[in-house]
Amino acid sequence: MRRWVRSAAGGIGALLLVDALGGFTGVSMALNPFTLTTCGVFGVPGTVTLLVLKAVFG
């Protein structure tokens, strides 16, 4: 359980970091239930996957 909570916190933290740095990097992600759930369930790899999908599909 602790491992899952750390993974979820890392994924959501990464999503928030990407969102916070969006003004500097030009890369941003919408904070909505889908992205939060994906990052919470899959952790940092989920965040990276969402970024790759956004880069591929716009």
PDB file of N, CA and C in Angstrom:
ATOM      1  N   MET A   1       0.830  -1.199   0.000  1.00  0.00           N
ATOM      2  CA  MET A   1       0.000   0.000   0.000  1.00  0.00           C
ATOM      3  C   MET A   1       0.870   1.257   0.000  1.00  0.00           C
ATOM      4  N   ARG A   2       1.923   1.256   0.802  1.00  0.00           N
ATOM      5  CA  ARG A   2       2.788   2.435   0.863  1.00  0.00           C
ATOM      6  C   ARG A   2       3.473   2.686  -0.480  1.00  0.00           C
ATOM      7  N   ARG A   3       3.857   1.608  -1.143  1.00  0.00           N
ATOM      8  CA  ARG A   3       4.515   1.749  -2.436  1.00  0.00           C
ATOM      9  C   ARG A   3       3.578   2.381  -3.458  1.00  0.00           C
ATOM     10  N   TRP A   4       2.319   1.971  -3.448  1.00  0.00           N
ATOM     11  CA  TRP A   4       1.349   2.541  -4.375  1.00  0.00           C
ATOM     12  C   TRP A   4       1.120   4.016  -4.075  1.00  0.00           C
ATOM     13  N   VAL A   5       1.038   4.367  -2.800  1.00  0.00           N
ATOM     14  CA  VAL A   5       0.815   5.769  -2.423  1.00  0.00           C
ATOM     15  C   VAL A   5       2.001   6.625  -2.862  1.00  0.00           C
ATOM     16  N   ARG A   6       3.222   6.113  -2.686  1.00  0.00           N
ATOM     17  CA  ARG A   6       4.397   6.861  -3.143  1.00  0.00           C
ATOM     18  C   ARG A   6       4.398   7.017  -4.660  1.00  0.00           C
ATOM     19  N   SER A   7       4.018   5.970  -5.364  1.00  0.00           N
ATOM     20  CA  SER A   7       3.959   6.034  -6.816  1.00  0.00           C
ATOM     21  C   SER A   7       2.909   7.039  -7.279  1.00  0.00           C
ATOM     22  N   ALA A   8       1.744   7.003  -6.648  1.00  0.00           N
ATOM     23  CA  ALA A   8       0.673   7.940  -6.995  1.00  0.00           C
ATOM     24  C   ALA A   8       1.096   9.372  -6.697  1.00  0.00           C
ATOM     25  N   ALA A   9       1.721   9.581  -5.549  1.00  0.00           N
ATOM     26  CA  ALA A   9       2.175  10.928  -5.191  1.00  0.00           C
ATOM     27  C   ALA A   9       3.242  11.419  -6.165  1.00  0.00           C
ATOM     28  N   GLY A  10       4.123  10.529  -6.585  1.00  0.00           N
ATOM     29  CA  GLY A  10       5.150  10.909  -7.560  1.00  0.00           C
ATOM     30  C   GLY A  10       4.556  11.279  -8.904  1.00  0.00           C
ATOM     31  N   GLY A  11       3.571  10.506  -9.343  1.00  0.00           N
ATOM     32  CA  GLY A  11       2.928  10.797 -10.621  1.00  0.00           C
ATOM     33  C   GLY A  11       2.159  12.097 -10.606  1.00  0.00           C
ATOM     34  N   ILE A  12       1.401  12.318  -9.552  1.00  0.00           N
ATOM     35  CA  ILE A  12       0.641  13.564  -9.441  1.00  0.00           C
ATOM     36  C   ILE A  12       1.590  14.741  -9.243  1.00  0.00           C
ATOM     37  N   GLY A  13       2.657  14.524  -8.484  1.00  0.00           N
ATOM     38  CA  GLY A  13       3.666  15.574  -8.324  1.00  0.00           C
ATOM     39  C   GLY A  13       4.322  15.933  -9.642  1.00  0.00           C
ATOM     40  N   ALA A  14       4.624  14.927 -10.452  1.00  0.00           N
ATOM     41  CA  ALA A  14       5.214  15.181 -11.772  1.00  0.00           C
ATOM     42  C   ALA A  14       4.248  15.950 -12.655  1.00  0.00           C
ATOM     43  N   LEU A  15       2.968  15.599 -12.601  1.00  0.00           N
ATOM     44  CA  LEU A  15       1.963  16.313 -13.390  1.00  0.00           C
ATOM     45  C   LEU A  15       1.875  17.773 -12.949  1.00  0.00           C
ATOM     46  N   LEU A  16       1.872  18.013 -11.661  1.00  0.00           N
ATOM     47  CA  LEU A  16       1.815  19.381 -11.156  1.00  0.00           C
ATOM     48  C   LEU A  16       3.078  20.159 -11.527  1.00  0.00           C
ATOM     49  N   LEU A  17       4.221  19.486 -11.520  1.00  0.00           N
ATOM     50  CA  LEU A  17       5.464  20.134 -11.909  1.00  0.00           C
ATOM     51  C   LEU A  17       5.449  20.517 -13.386  1.00  0.00           C
ATOM     52  N   VAL A  18       4.967  19.614 -14.218  1.00  0.00           N
ATOM     53  CA  VAL A  18       4.856  19.918 -15.656  1.00  0.00           C
ATOM     54  C   VAL A  18       3.922  21.099 -15.857  1.00  0.00           C
ATOM     55  N   ASP A  19       2.815  21.119 -15.129  1.00  0.00           N
ATOM     56  CA  ASP A  19       1.855  22.214 -15.254  1.00  0.00           C
ATOM     57  C   ASP A  19       2.458  23.530 -14.763  1.00  0.00           C
ATOM     58  N   ALA A  20       3.200  23.479 -13.662  1.00  0.00           N
ATOM     59  CA  ALA A  20       3.788  24.694 -13.100  1.00  0.00           C
ATOM     60  C   ALA A  20       4.878  25.262 -14.004  1.00  0.00           C
ATOM     61  N   LEU A  21       5.639  24.398 -14.661  1.00  0.00           N
ATOM     62  CA  LEU A  21       6.727  24.845 -15.519  1.00  0.00           C
ATOM     63  C   LEU A  21       6.299  25.079 -16.960  1.00  0.00           C
ATOM     64  N   GLY A  22       5.025  24.932 -17.244  1.00  0.00           N
ATOM     65  CA  GLY A  22       4.514  25.079 -18.608  1.00  0.00           C
ATOM     66  C   GLY A  22       4.787  26.434 -19.217  1.00  0.00           C
ATOM     67  N   GLY A  23       4.792  27.471 -18.424  1.00  0.00           N
ATOM     68  CA  GLY A  23       5.073  28.806 -18.947  1.00  0.00           C
ATOM     69  C   GLY A  23       6.509  28.962 -19.409  1.00  0.00           C
ATOM     70  N   PHE A  24       7.411  28.244 -18.780  1.00  0.00           N
ATOM     71  CA  PHE A  24       8.830  28.317 -19.145  1.00  0.00           C
ATOM     72  C   PHE A  24       9.192  27.369 -20.277  1.00  0.00           C
ATOM     73  N   THR A  25       8.581  26.183 -20.279  1.00  0.00           N
ATOM     74  CA  THR A  25       8.964  25.154 -21.242  1.00  0.00           C
ATOM     75  C   THR A  25       8.071  25.116 -22.473  1.00  0.00           C
ATOM     76  N   GLY A  26       6.876  25.649 -22.369  1.00  0.00           N
ATOM     77  CA  GLY A  26       5.925  25.582 -23.463  1.00  0.00           C
ATOM     78  C   GLY A  26       5.146  24.277 -23.497  1.00  0.00           C
ATOM     79  N   VAL A  27       5.409  23.401 -22.546  1.00  0.00           N
ATOM     80  CA  VAL A  27       4.716  22.110 -22.449  1.00  0.00           C
ATOM     81  C   VAL A  27       3.820  22.163 -21.227  1.00  0.00           C
ATOM     82  N   SER A  28       2.531  21.933 -21.427  1.00  0.00           N
ATOM     83  CA  SER A  28       1.615  21.947 -20.297  1.00  0.00           C
ATOM     84  C   SER A  28       0.609  20.821 -20.457  1.00  0.00           C
ATOM     85  N   MET A  29       0.028  20.435 -19.353  1.00  0.00           N
ATOM     86  CA  MET A  29      -0.993  19.388 -19.337  1.00  0.00           C
ATOM     87  C   MET A  29      -2.205  19.943 -18.602  1.00  0.00           C
ATOM     88  N   ALA A  30      -3.364  19.592 -19.076  1.00  0.00           N
ATOM     89  CA  ALA A  30      -4.589  20.007 -18.410  1.00  0.00           C
ATOM     90  C   ALA A  30      -4.755  19.211 -17.123  1.00  0.00           C
ATOM     91  N   LEU A  31      -5.182  19.878 -16.086  1.00  0.00           N
ATOM     92  CA  LEU A  31      -5.489  19.193 -14.838  1.00  0.00           C
ATOM     93  C   LEU A  31      -6.978  18.867 -14.845  1.00  0.00           C
ATOM     94  N   ASN A  32      -7.291  17.623 -15.141  1.00  0.00           N
ATOM     95  CA  ASN A  32      -8.672  17.180 -15.160  1.00  0.00           C
ATOM     96  C   ASN A  32      -8.735  15.774 -14.548  1.00  0.00           C
ATOM     97  N   PRO A  33      -9.918  15.249 -14.334  1.00  0.00           N
ATOM     98  CA  PRO A  33     -10.009  13.929 -13.691  1.00  0.00           C
ATOM     99  C   PRO A  33      -9.265  12.822 -14.435  1.00  0.00           C
ATOM    100  N   PHE A  34      -9.240  12.869 -15.766  1.00  0.00           N
ATOM    101  CA  PHE A  34      -8.546  11.828 -16.526  1.00  0.00           C
ATOM    102  C   PHE A  34      -7.041  11.867 -16.278  1.00  0.00           C
ATOM    103  N   THR A  35      -6.430  13.048 -16.381  1.00  0.00           N
ATOM    104  CA  THR A  35      -4.984  13.122 -16.206  1.00  0.00           C
ATOM    105  C   THR A  35      -4.593  12.825 -14.759  1.00  0.00           C
ATOM    106  N   LEU A  36      -5.362  13.323 -13.803  1.00  0.00           N
ATOM    107  CA  LEU A  36      -5.058  13.044 -12.404  1.00  0.00           C
ATOM    108  C   LEU A  36      -5.186  11.558 -12.087  1.00  0.00           C
ATOM    109  N   THR A  37      -6.201  10.899 -12.625  1.00  0.00           N
ATOM    110  CA  THR A  37      -6.368   9.467 -12.387  1.00  0.00           C
ATOM    111  C   THR A  37      -5.254   8.670 -13.040  1.00  0.00           C
ATOM    112  N   THR A  38      -4.916   9.014 -14.274  1.00  0.00           N
ATOM    113  CA  THR A  38      -3.849   8.315 -14.979  1.00  0.00           C
ATOM    114  C   THR A  38      -2.526   8.448 -14.232  1.00  0.00           C
ATOM    115  N   CYS A  39      -2.199   9.641 -13.813  1.00  0.00           N
ATOM    116  CA  CYS A  39      -0.944   9.863 -13.097  1.00  0.00           C
ATOM    117  C   CYS A  39      -0.980   9.240 -11.703  1.00  0.00           C
ATOM    118  N   GLY A  40      -2.144   9.218 -11.090  1.00  0.00           N
ATOM    119  CA  GLY A  40      -2.269   8.596  -9.777  1.00  0.00           C
ATOM    120  C   GLY A  40      -2.159   7.086  -9.831  1.00  0.00           C
ATOM    121  N   VAL A  41      -2.703   6.473 -10.847  1.00  0.00           N
ATOM    122  CA  VAL A  41      -2.678   5.010 -10.957  1.00  0.00           C
ATOM    123  C   VAL A  41      -1.329   4.525 -11.481  1.00  0.00           C
ATOM    124  N   PHE A  42      -0.780   5.188 -12.500  1.00  0.00           N
ATOM    125  CA  PHE A  42       0.438   4.702 -13.149  1.00  0.00           C
ATOM    126  C   PHE A  42       1.706   5.417 -12.705  1.00  0.00           C
ATOM    127  N   GLY A  43       1.586   6.472 -11.921  1.00  0.00           N
ATOM    128  CA  GLY A  43       2.765   7.164 -11.413  1.00  0.00           C
ATOM    129  C   GLY A  43       3.467   7.988 -12.480  1.00  0.00           C
ATOM    130  N   VAL A  44       4.777   8.127 -12.322  1.00  0.00           N
ATOM    131  CA  VAL A  44       5.576   8.926 -13.256  1.00  0.00           C
ATOM    132  C   VAL A  44       5.520   8.358 -14.672  1.00  0.00           C
ATOM    133  N   PRO A  45       5.563   7.024 -14.860  1.00  0.00           N
ATOM    134  CA  PRO A  45       5.424   6.526 -16.239  1.00  0.00           C
ATOM    135  C   PRO A  45       4.097   6.938 -16.889  1.00  0.00           C
ATOM    136  N   GLY A  46       3.040   7.054 -16.123  1.00  0.00           N
ATOM    137  CA  GLY A  46       1.771   7.535 -16.669  1.00  0.00           C
ATOM    138  C   GLY A  46       1.861   8.980 -17.110  1.00  0.00           C
ATOM    139  N   THR A  47       2.579   9.785 -16.346  1.00  0.00           N
ATOM    140  CA  THR A  47       2.764  11.186 -16.710  1.00  0.00           C
ATOM    141  C   THR A  47       3.569  11.295 -18.005  1.00  0.00           C
ATOM    142  N   VAL A  48       4.633  10.510 -18.101  1.00  0.00           N
ATOM    143  CA  VAL A  48       5.466  10.530 -19.306  1.00  0.00           C
ATOM    144  C   VAL A  48       4.659  10.056 -20.509  1.00  0.00           C
ATOM    145  N   THR A  49       3.844   9.028 -20.322  1.00  0.00           N
ATOM    146  CA  THR A  49       3.012   8.523 -21.412  1.00  0.00           C
ATOM    147  C   THR A  49       2.044   9.596 -21.896  1.00  0.00           C
ATOM    148  N   LEU A  50       1.426  10.314 -20.977  1.00  0.00           N
ATOM    149  CA  LEU A  50       0.520  11.392 -21.377  1.00  0.00           C
ATOM    150  C   LEU A  50       1.262  12.478 -22.145  1.00  0.00           C
ATOM    151  N   LEU A  51       2.477  12.802 -21.725  1.00  0.00           N
ATOM    152  CA  LEU A  51       3.257  13.809 -22.446  1.00  0.00           C
ATOM    153  C   LEU A  51       3.615  13.348 -23.848  1.00  0.00           C
ATOM    154  N   VAL A  52       3.973  12.079 -23.979  1.00  0.00           N
ATOM    155  CA  VAL A  52       4.298  11.540 -25.308  1.00  0.00           C
ATOM    156  C   VAL A  52       3.061  11.539 -26.196  1.00  0.00           C
ATOM    157  N   LEU A  53       1.930  11.121 -25.644  1.00  0.00           N
ATOM    158  CA  LEU A  53       0.681  11.109 -26.434  1.00  0.00           C
ATOM    159  C   LEU A  53       0.297  12.515 -26.858  1.00  0.00           C
ATOM    160  N   LYS A  54       0.515  13.488 -25.973  1.00  0.00           N
ATOM    161  CA  LYS A  54       0.202  14.865 -26.342  1.00  0.00           C
ATOM    162  C   LYS A  54       1.134  15.352 -27.448  1.00  0.00           C
ATOM    163  N   ALA A  55       2.388  14.954 -27.403  1.00  0.00           N
ATOM    164  CA  ALA A  55       3.343  15.358 -28.444  1.00  0.00           C
ATOM    165  C   ALA A  55       2.993  14.710 -29.785  1.00  0.00           C
ATOM    166  N   VAL A  56       2.541  13.481 -29.751  1.00  0.00           N
ATOM    167  CA  VAL A  56       2.224  12.757 -30.996  1.00  0.00           C
ATOM    168  C   VAL A  56       0.924  13.254 -31.605  1.00  0.00           C
ATOM    169  N   PHE A  57      -0.104  13.381 -30.775  1.00  0.00           N
ATOM    170  CA  PHE A  57      -1.437  13.722 -31.281  1.00  0.00           C
ATOM    171  C   PHE A  57      -1.805  15.188 -31.129  1.00  0.00           C
ATOM    172  N   GLY A  58      -0.968  15.955 -30.498  1.00  0.00           N
ATOM    173  CA  GLY A  58      -1.210  17.390 -30.376  1.00  0.00           C
ATOM    174  C   GLY A  58      -2.109  17.692 -29.266  1.00  0.00           C
TER     175      GLY A  58
END
